[in-house]
N, C-alpha and C. Protein backbone atom coordinates (compact mmCIF):
# COMPACT_ATOMS: atom_id res chain seq x y z
N UNK A 1 87.21 112.44 153.07
CA UNK A 1 86.77 113.55 152.80
C UNK A 1 87.77 114.75 153.60
N UNK A 2 88.31 114.25 154.96
CA UNK A 2 89.35 114.95 155.84
C UNK A 2 90.38 114.85 155.17
N UNK A 3 90.95 113.87 154.39
CA UNK A 3 91.79 114.07 153.95
C UNK A 3 92.14 115.16 152.72
N UNK A 4 91.01 115.26 152.03
CA UNK A 4 91.01 116.35 151.13
C UNK A 4 91.18 117.64 151.60
N UNK A 5 90.12 117.93 152.48
CA UNK A 5 90.17 119.33 153.07
C UNK A 5 91.77 119.58 153.85
N UNK A 6 92.34 118.65 154.12
CA UNK A 6 93.72 118.58 155.05
C UNK A 6 94.78 119.15 153.46
N UNK A 7 94.59 118.12 152.62
CA UNK A 7 95.51 118.25 151.29
C UNK A 7 95.21 119.79 150.89
N UNK A 8 93.77 120.38 150.71
CA UNK A 8 93.95 121.64 150.21
C UNK A 8 94.30 122.61 151.02
N UNK A 9 94.42 122.75 152.28
CA UNK A 9 94.24 123.43 153.18
C UNK A 9 96.44 123.77 153.51
N UNK A 10 96.32 122.07 153.49
CA UNK A 10 98.20 122.31 153.10
C UNK A 10 98.82 122.53 152.11
N UNK A 11 98.40 122.70 151.29
CA UNK A 11 98.94 122.95 149.73
C UNK A 11 98.27 124.16 148.92
N UNK A 12 98.26 125.42 149.35
CA UNK A 12 97.25 126.34 149.12
C UNK A 12 97.65 126.90 147.93
N UNK A 13 99.10 126.45 147.74
CA UNK A 13 99.57 127.20 146.02
C UNK A 13 98.92 126.21 145.06
N UNK A 14 98.56 125.58 145.08
CA UNK A 14 97.89 124.39 144.41
C UNK A 14 96.33 124.51 143.86
N UNK A 15 96.27 125.10 142.84
CA UNK A 15 94.76 124.77 142.56
C UNK A 15 94.05 123.78 142.15
N UNK A 16 93.05 123.54 143.56
CA UNK A 16 92.41 122.07 142.76
C UNK A 16 91.24 122.35 142.38
N UNK A 17 90.40 121.61 141.91
CA UNK A 17 89.38 121.45 141.68
C UNK A 17 88.31 121.33 142.98
N UNK A 18 86.93 122.41 142.90
CA UNK A 18 86.34 122.47 143.77
C UNK A 18 85.25 121.40 144.00
N UNK A 19 84.98 120.56 142.95
CA UNK A 19 84.42 119.58 143.00
C UNK A 19 85.20 118.30 143.39
N UNK A 20 84.56 117.36 144.17
CA UNK A 20 84.90 115.95 144.56
C UNK A 20 86.39 116.06 145.11
N UNK A 21 87.11 114.71 145.32
CA UNK A 21 88.27 115.15 146.50
C UNK A 21 89.22 114.94 145.25
N UNK A 22 90.46 114.68 146.37
CA UNK A 22 91.85 114.56 145.59
C UNK A 22 92.17 113.21 144.83
N UNK A 23 91.19 112.22 145.36
CA UNK A 23 91.44 111.08 144.59
C UNK A 23 90.56 110.63 143.11
N UNK A 24 89.63 112.18 143.39
CA UNK A 24 88.79 112.22 141.98
C UNK A 24 89.52 112.24 140.71
N UNK A 25 90.84 113.21 140.66
CA UNK A 25 91.92 113.86 139.67
C UNK A 25 93.04 112.99 139.48
N UNK A 26 93.52 113.42 138.56
CA UNK A 26 95.15 112.89 138.34
C UNK A 26 95.62 113.85 137.35
N UNK A 27 96.89 114.24 137.61
CA UNK A 27 97.34 115.31 137.02
C UNK A 27 98.01 114.96 135.55
N UNK A 28 97.76 115.21 134.43
CA UNK A 28 97.79 115.09 132.87
C UNK A 28 98.95 115.62 132.61
N UNK A 29 99.97 114.54 132.68
CA UNK A 29 101.47 114.64 132.27
C UNK A 29 101.45 115.91 130.96
N UNK A 30 100.92 116.09 130.37
CA UNK A 30 101.19 117.01 128.95
C UNK A 30 100.86 118.45 129.21
N UNK A 31 99.31 118.49 130.05
CA UNK A 31 99.18 119.77 130.26
C UNK A 31 99.19 120.54 131.84
N UNK A 32 99.62 119.43 132.87
CA UNK A 32 100.13 119.57 133.93
C UNK A 32 99.09 119.92 134.40
N UNK A 33 97.42 119.60 134.72
CA UNK A 33 96.51 120.45 135.11
C UNK A 33 95.82 119.13 136.04
N UNK A 34 94.84 119.32 136.40
CA UNK A 34 94.01 118.13 136.93
C UNK A 34 93.04 117.87 136.24
N UNK A 35 92.70 116.61 136.03
CA UNK A 35 91.48 115.85 134.96
C UNK A 35 90.82 114.86 136.08
N UNK A 36 89.65 114.82 135.55
CA UNK A 36 89.09 113.81 136.03
C UNK A 36 89.30 112.48 135.93
N UNK A 37 89.02 111.34 136.93
CA UNK A 37 89.59 110.14 135.86
C UNK A 37 88.51 109.62 135.30
N UNK A 38 87.17 110.13 135.44
CA UNK A 38 86.13 109.53 134.78
C UNK A 38 87.09 110.14 132.93
N UNK A 39 87.67 111.00 132.76
CA UNK A 39 87.87 111.59 131.22
C UNK A 39 89.14 110.25 130.65
N UNK A 40 89.68 109.38 131.38
CA UNK A 40 90.50 108.27 130.88
C UNK A 40 89.49 107.20 130.52
N UNK A 41 88.74 106.80 130.94
CA UNK A 41 87.61 105.66 130.95
C UNK A 41 87.05 105.57 129.22
N UNK A 42 87.60 104.88 128.92
CA UNK A 42 86.84 104.54 127.40
C UNK A 42 85.35 104.32 127.09
N UNK A 43 84.70 104.93 126.73
CA UNK A 43 83.28 104.44 126.07
C UNK A 43 83.09 102.90 126.11
N UNK A 44 82.02 102.42 126.82
CA UNK A 44 81.85 100.72 126.80
C UNK A 44 81.01 100.56 125.48
N UNK A 45 81.31 99.61 124.59
CA UNK A 45 80.34 99.23 123.46
C UNK A 45 80.55 97.71 123.10
N UNK A 46 79.38 97.32 123.75
CA UNK A 46 79.34 95.75 123.39
C UNK A 46 79.45 95.64 122.12
N UNK A 47 80.33 94.75 121.47
CA UNK A 47 79.79 94.19 120.40
C UNK A 47 79.25 93.18 119.90
N UNK A 48 77.87 92.91 119.09
CA UNK A 48 77.02 91.63 119.37
C UNK A 48 77.66 90.37 118.79
N UNK A 49 78.56 91.26 117.74
CA UNK A 49 79.12 90.05 116.61
C UNK A 49 80.33 88.87 117.43
N UNK A 50 80.85 89.55 118.70
CA UNK A 50 82.55 88.87 119.05
C UNK A 50 81.41 87.87 120.54
N UNK A 51 82.38 86.72 120.64
CA UNK A 51 81.49 86.10 121.78
C UNK A 51 81.70 87.15 123.38
N UNK A 52 80.87 86.78 123.68
CA UNK A 52 80.84 87.18 125.25
C UNK A 52 81.68 86.85 126.19
N UNK A 53 82.75 87.37 126.56
CA UNK A 53 83.75 87.29 127.76
C UNK A 53 83.70 88.27 128.78
N UNK A 54 84.09 87.52 130.15
CA UNK A 54 84.27 88.22 131.58
C UNK A 54 84.61 89.42 131.08
N UNK A 55 85.83 89.68 130.86
CA UNK A 55 86.21 90.83 130.88
C UNK A 55 85.18 91.94 129.89
N UNK A 56 84.59 92.04 128.89
CA UNK A 56 83.02 92.59 128.62
C UNK A 56 81.86 92.76 129.76
N UNK A 57 81.90 92.10 130.59
CA UNK A 57 80.89 92.02 131.60
C UNK A 57 81.45 93.16 132.81
N UNK A 58 82.66 93.45 132.73
CA UNK A 58 82.84 94.46 133.75
C UNK A 58 83.52 95.87 132.59
N UNK A 59 82.57 96.95 132.43
CA UNK A 59 83.57 97.78 131.57
C UNK A 59 84.05 98.95 132.59
N UNK A 60 85.35 99.06 132.07
CA UNK A 60 86.02 100.38 132.93
C UNK A 60 85.20 101.11 133.39
N UNK A 61 85.63 101.88 134.77
CA UNK A 61 85.34 103.14 135.28
C UNK A 61 86.44 103.65 136.07
N UNK A 62 86.12 105.12 136.13
CA UNK A 62 87.23 105.98 137.08
C UNK A 62 87.77 104.94 138.05
N UNK A 63 87.25 104.04 138.77
CA UNK A 63 87.72 103.32 139.85
C UNK A 63 89.07 102.54 139.49
N UNK A 64 88.47 101.94 138.43
CA UNK A 64 89.41 100.73 138.23
C UNK A 64 90.82 101.21 137.29
N UNK A 65 90.17 102.14 136.69
CA UNK A 65 91.52 103.18 135.35
C UNK A 65 92.18 103.87 136.94
N UNK A 66 92.01 104.28 137.51
CA UNK A 66 92.66 105.06 138.97
C UNK A 66 93.55 103.82 139.60
N UNK A 67 93.09 103.07 139.92
CA UNK A 67 93.82 101.64 140.57
C UNK A 67 95.03 101.12 139.21
N UNK A 68 94.47 101.06 137.92
CA UNK A 68 95.72 100.42 137.18
C UNK A 68 96.54 101.50 137.12
N UNK A 69 96.31 102.88 136.58
CA UNK A 69 97.30 103.67 136.53
C UNK A 69 98.34 103.49 137.88
N UNK A 70 97.97 103.34 138.87
CA UNK A 70 99.30 103.63 140.15
C UNK A 70 99.80 102.25 140.50
N UNK A 71 99.22 101.36 139.90
CA UNK A 71 99.76 99.87 139.57
C UNK A 71 101.62 100.07 138.66
C-alpha cells in the first residue's frame, strides 16, 4: 500500500482509480484507461464431457493473468 500512496502522490496528473492498489489495474491499450485485471479473467466453466485435466483444476484469476501479461 505504501507504493500505491507514493505512486498516486508522485504522479498527480494521472487519474488513478480510488479503489485497490496500482497493481490491481492495467492500462487498456485501446481506451488508454485503467481497467481492473479481473476484467481480463475469462469466466471459468467446467465441461463435464471433457476428461479432467490439471489446468482445469486451477481456473485463472486476476493475479495469474497479471503475471502472464507481464511475462
